[in-house]
């Protein structure tokens, strides 16, 4: 099975479900490299599942979600947490 068909077969988490998962200690939203996406990356709630690009952007805009400031370059965050 190709990576592209594998990504398409994964069920994407809704915004509500993703935020519920992010309430668990240690759970983050992560932007990860993948060849399965035309953009070259995808967002995942670790250990919750795949999140669509639109849902990921909504989660990042949530007032309680904070970037972890862990990207390779300033301003290019790779992970986000719910809360402080």
N, C-alpha and C. Protein backbone atom coordinates (compact mmCIF):
# COMPACT_ATOMS: atom_id res chain seq x y z
N UNK A 1 0.84 -1.17 0.00
CA UNK A 1 0.00 0.00 0.00
C UNK A 1 0.89 1.24 0.00
N UNK A 2 0.58 2.21 -0.83
CA UNK A 2 1.40 3.43 -0.89
C UNK A 2 1.10 4.34 0.29
N UNK A 3 2.02 5.24 0.56
CA UNK A 3 1.82 6.19 1.65
C UNK A 3 0.62 7.08 1.41
N UNK A 4 0.40 7.48 0.15
CA UNK A 4 -0.73 8.36 -0.16
C UNK A 4 -2.04 7.66 0.14
N UNK A 5 -2.20 6.42 -0.30
CA UNK A 5 -3.44 5.72 -0.03
C UNK A 5 -3.58 5.42 1.45
N UNK A 6 -2.45 5.22 2.15
CA UNK A 6 -2.49 4.98 3.59
C UNK A 6 -3.02 6.21 4.31
N UNK A 7 -2.55 7.42 3.94
CA UNK A 7 -3.02 8.65 4.59
C UNK A 7 -4.50 8.84 4.33
N UNK A 8 -4.92 8.58 3.12
CA UNK A 8 -6.33 8.77 2.78
C UNK A 8 -7.22 7.80 3.55
N UNK A 9 -6.68 6.65 3.93
CA UNK A 9 -7.50 5.68 4.64
C UNK A 9 -7.60 5.99 6.13
N UNK A 10 -6.72 6.88 6.63
CA UNK A 10 -6.77 7.24 8.04
C UNK A 10 -7.93 8.20 8.27
N UNK A 11 -8.69 7.95 9.31
CA UNK A 11 -9.78 8.84 9.66
C UNK A 11 -9.21 10.05 10.38
N UNK A 12 -9.60 11.24 9.93
CA UNK A 12 -9.11 12.46 10.54
C UNK A 12 -9.95 12.79 11.78
N UNK A 13 -9.26 13.27 12.81
CA UNK A 13 -9.94 13.68 14.04
C UNK A 13 -10.67 15.00 13.81
N UNK A 14 -11.84 15.14 14.41
CA UNK A 14 -12.54 16.42 14.39
C UNK A 14 -11.83 17.37 15.34
N UNK A 15 -12.14 18.65 15.25
CA UNK A 15 -11.54 19.63 16.15
C UNK A 15 -11.91 19.30 17.60
N UNK A 16 -13.15 18.95 17.83
CA UNK A 16 -13.60 18.62 19.19
C UNK A 16 -12.83 17.42 19.74
N UNK A 17 -12.72 16.36 18.94
CA UNK A 17 -12.02 15.15 19.39
C UNK A 17 -10.53 15.42 19.60
N UNK A 18 -9.93 16.20 18.71
CA UNK A 18 -8.51 16.52 18.85
C UNK A 18 -8.25 17.30 20.14
N UNK A 19 -9.10 18.29 20.44
CA UNK A 19 -8.93 19.08 21.67
C UNK A 19 -9.18 18.22 22.91
N UNK A 20 -10.12 17.28 22.82
CA UNK A 20 -10.33 16.35 23.94
C UNK A 20 -9.07 15.53 24.20
N UNK A 21 -8.44 15.06 23.13
CA UNK A 21 -7.20 14.29 23.26
C UNK A 21 -6.08 15.15 23.84
N UNK A 22 -6.03 16.42 23.44
CA UNK A 22 -4.98 17.31 23.89
C UNK A 22 -5.09 17.70 25.36
N UNK A 23 -6.24 17.42 25.97
CA UNK A 23 -6.39 17.65 27.41
C UNK A 23 -5.58 16.63 28.22
N UNK A 24 -5.23 15.51 27.61
CA UNK A 24 -4.45 14.49 28.31
C UNK A 24 -3.00 14.96 28.47
N UNK A 25 -2.43 14.70 29.60
CA UNK A 25 -1.06 15.10 29.90
C UNK A 25 -0.09 14.52 28.87
N UNK A 26 0.80 15.37 28.37
CA UNK A 26 1.82 14.93 27.43
C UNK A 26 1.37 14.85 25.98
N UNK A 27 0.11 15.14 25.70
CA UNK A 27 -0.40 15.05 24.34
C UNK A 27 -0.17 16.38 23.62
N UNK A 28 0.31 16.33 22.40
CA UNK A 28 0.61 17.52 21.62
C UNK A 28 0.04 17.41 20.21
N UNK A 29 -0.06 18.54 19.56
CA UNK A 29 -0.33 18.60 18.12
C UNK A 29 1.04 18.77 17.47
N UNK A 30 1.39 17.92 16.53
CA UNK A 30 2.71 17.97 15.90
C UNK A 30 2.59 18.07 14.39
N UNK A 31 3.42 18.92 13.81
CA UNK A 31 3.53 19.04 12.36
C UNK A 31 4.69 18.15 11.94
N UNK A 32 4.41 17.16 11.07
CA UNK A 32 5.42 16.16 10.73
C UNK A 32 5.58 16.05 9.21
N UNK A 33 6.79 15.79 8.77
CA UNK A 33 7.09 15.57 7.36
C UNK A 33 6.46 14.27 6.90
N UNK A 34 5.88 14.28 5.69
CA UNK A 34 5.35 13.06 5.09
C UNK A 34 5.33 13.20 3.58
N UNK A 35 5.59 12.14 2.90
CA UNK A 35 5.46 12.12 1.44
C UNK A 35 4.02 11.85 1.03
N UNK A 36 3.19 11.52 1.98
CA UNK A 36 1.80 11.16 1.68
C UNK A 36 0.92 12.38 1.45
N UNK A 37 1.44 13.56 1.67
CA UNK A 37 0.66 14.78 1.52
C UNK A 37 1.28 15.64 0.43
N UNK A 38 0.45 16.27 -0.40
CA UNK A 38 0.99 17.16 -1.43
C UNK A 38 1.79 18.33 -0.84
N UNK A 39 1.45 18.75 0.38
CA UNK A 39 2.16 19.85 1.03
C UNK A 39 3.51 19.41 1.59
N UNK A 40 3.71 18.11 1.77
CA UNK A 40 4.95 17.60 2.32
C UNK A 40 4.93 17.43 3.83
N UNK A 41 3.81 17.77 4.46
CA UNK A 41 3.68 17.60 5.90
C UNK A 41 2.23 17.32 6.26
N UNK A 42 2.03 16.83 7.48
CA UNK A 42 0.70 16.59 8.00
C UNK A 42 0.73 16.88 9.50
N UNK A 43 -0.44 17.13 10.08
CA UNK A 43 -0.55 17.38 11.52
C UNK A 43 -1.17 16.16 12.19
N UNK A 44 -0.61 15.80 13.33
CA UNK A 44 -1.10 14.68 14.12
C UNK A 44 -1.23 15.09 15.57
N UNK A 45 -2.26 14.60 16.24
CA UNK A 45 -2.32 14.69 17.70
C UNK A 45 -1.63 13.43 18.18
N UNK A 46 -0.56 13.58 18.93
CA UNK A 46 0.23 12.44 19.41
C UNK A 46 -0.30 12.07 20.78
N UNK A 47 -0.83 11.02 20.94
CA UNK A 47 -1.12 9.76 20.30
C UNK A 47 -2.60 9.65 19.90
N UNK A 48 -3.16 10.64 19.29
CA UNK A 48 -4.57 10.64 18.95
C UNK A 48 -4.89 10.31 17.51
N UNK A 49 -4.16 10.90 16.57
CA UNK A 49 -4.39 10.61 15.17
C UNK A 49 -4.22 11.81 14.26
N UNK A 50 -4.53 11.61 13.00
CA UNK A 50 -4.38 12.59 11.95
C UNK A 50 -5.39 13.72 12.11
N UNK A 51 -4.95 14.95 11.80
CA UNK A 51 -5.80 16.13 11.84
C UNK A 51 -5.69 16.83 10.49
N UNK A 52 -6.80 17.24 9.91
CA UNK A 52 -6.76 17.92 8.61
C UNK A 52 -6.04 19.26 8.75
N UNK A 53 -5.51 19.78 7.65
CA UNK A 53 -4.84 21.09 7.71
C UNK A 53 -5.75 22.19 8.25
N UNK A 54 -7.00 22.21 7.83
CA UNK A 54 -7.95 23.24 8.30
C UNK A 54 -8.20 23.12 9.81
N UNK A 55 -8.37 21.88 10.29
CA UNK A 55 -8.59 21.66 11.72
C UNK A 55 -7.35 22.03 12.51
N UNK A 56 -6.17 21.70 12.00
CA UNK A 56 -4.92 22.04 12.69
C UNK A 56 -4.82 23.55 12.87
N UNK A 57 -5.15 24.32 11.84
CA UNK A 57 -5.09 25.78 11.94
C UNK A 57 -6.09 26.31 12.96
N UNK A 58 -7.27 25.72 13.02
CA UNK A 58 -8.26 26.14 14.03
C UNK A 58 -7.76 25.84 15.44
N UNK A 59 -7.14 24.68 15.61
CA UNK A 59 -6.60 24.32 16.93
C UNK A 59 -5.51 25.30 17.33
N UNK A 60 -4.62 25.64 16.40
CA UNK A 60 -3.53 26.58 16.70
C UNK A 60 -4.06 27.95 17.11
N UNK A 61 -5.24 28.32 16.62
CA UNK A 61 -5.83 29.62 16.95
C UNK A 61 -6.62 29.61 18.25
N UNK A 62 -6.84 28.42 18.83
CA UNK A 62 -7.58 28.30 20.09
C UNK A 62 -6.84 29.10 21.18
N UNK A 63 -7.56 29.86 22.00
CA UNK A 63 -6.90 30.72 22.99
C UNK A 63 -6.08 29.98 24.05
N UNK A 64 -6.33 28.70 24.27
CA UNK A 64 -5.58 27.95 25.28
C UNK A 64 -4.44 27.11 24.69
N UNK A 65 -4.27 27.15 23.38
CA UNK A 65 -3.21 26.38 22.73
C UNK A 65 -1.98 27.26 22.57
N UNK A 66 -0.83 26.71 22.97
CA UNK A 66 0.44 27.44 22.93
C UNK A 66 1.47 26.67 22.09
N UNK A 67 2.20 27.42 21.26
CA UNK A 67 3.30 26.83 20.51
C UNK A 67 4.43 26.50 21.47
N UNK A 68 5.12 25.41 21.23
CA UNK A 68 6.21 24.97 22.11
C UNK A 68 7.55 25.62 21.74
N UNK A 69 7.58 26.41 20.68
CA UNK A 69 8.80 27.13 20.26
C UNK A 69 9.98 26.18 20.06
N UNK A 70 9.71 25.05 19.41
CA UNK A 70 10.73 24.02 19.26
C UNK A 70 11.13 23.77 17.80
N UNK A 71 10.78 24.70 16.92
CA UNK A 71 11.13 24.52 15.52
C UNK A 71 12.62 24.75 15.28
N UNK A 72 13.09 24.32 14.14
CA UNK A 72 14.50 24.48 13.78
C UNK A 72 14.88 25.95 13.67
N UNK A 73 13.96 26.78 13.17
CA UNK A 73 14.20 28.20 13.04
C UNK A 73 13.15 28.97 13.83
N UNK A 74 13.47 30.18 14.31
CA UNK A 74 12.49 30.99 15.05
C UNK A 74 11.23 31.22 14.23
N UNK A 75 10.09 31.11 14.88
CA UNK A 75 8.81 31.34 14.21
C UNK A 75 8.28 30.15 13.42
N UNK A 76 9.02 29.06 13.38
CA UNK A 76 8.58 27.86 12.66
C UNK A 76 8.35 26.74 13.67
N UNK A 77 7.28 26.88 14.42
CA UNK A 77 6.97 25.90 15.46
C UNK A 77 6.58 24.56 14.86
N UNK A 78 6.86 23.48 15.61
CA UNK A 78 6.53 22.13 15.16
C UNK A 78 5.52 21.45 16.07
N UNK A 79 5.38 21.91 17.31
CA UNK A 79 4.43 21.29 18.22
C UNK A 79 3.66 22.36 18.99
N UNK A 80 2.44 21.98 19.41
CA UNK A 80 1.56 22.86 20.17
C UNK A 80 0.94 22.08 21.30
N UNK A 81 0.74 22.74 22.44
CA UNK A 81 0.13 22.13 23.64
C UNK A 81 -1.11 22.91 24.03
N UNK A 82 -2.01 22.22 24.67
CA UNK A 82 -3.19 22.87 25.24
C UNK A 82 -2.86 23.25 26.67
N UNK A 83 -3.03 24.51 27.01
CA UNK A 83 -2.75 24.98 28.36
C UNK A 83 -1.39 25.62 28.46
N UNK A 84 -0.91 25.77 29.69
CA UNK A 84 0.36 26.48 29.94
C UNK A 84 1.56 25.68 29.56
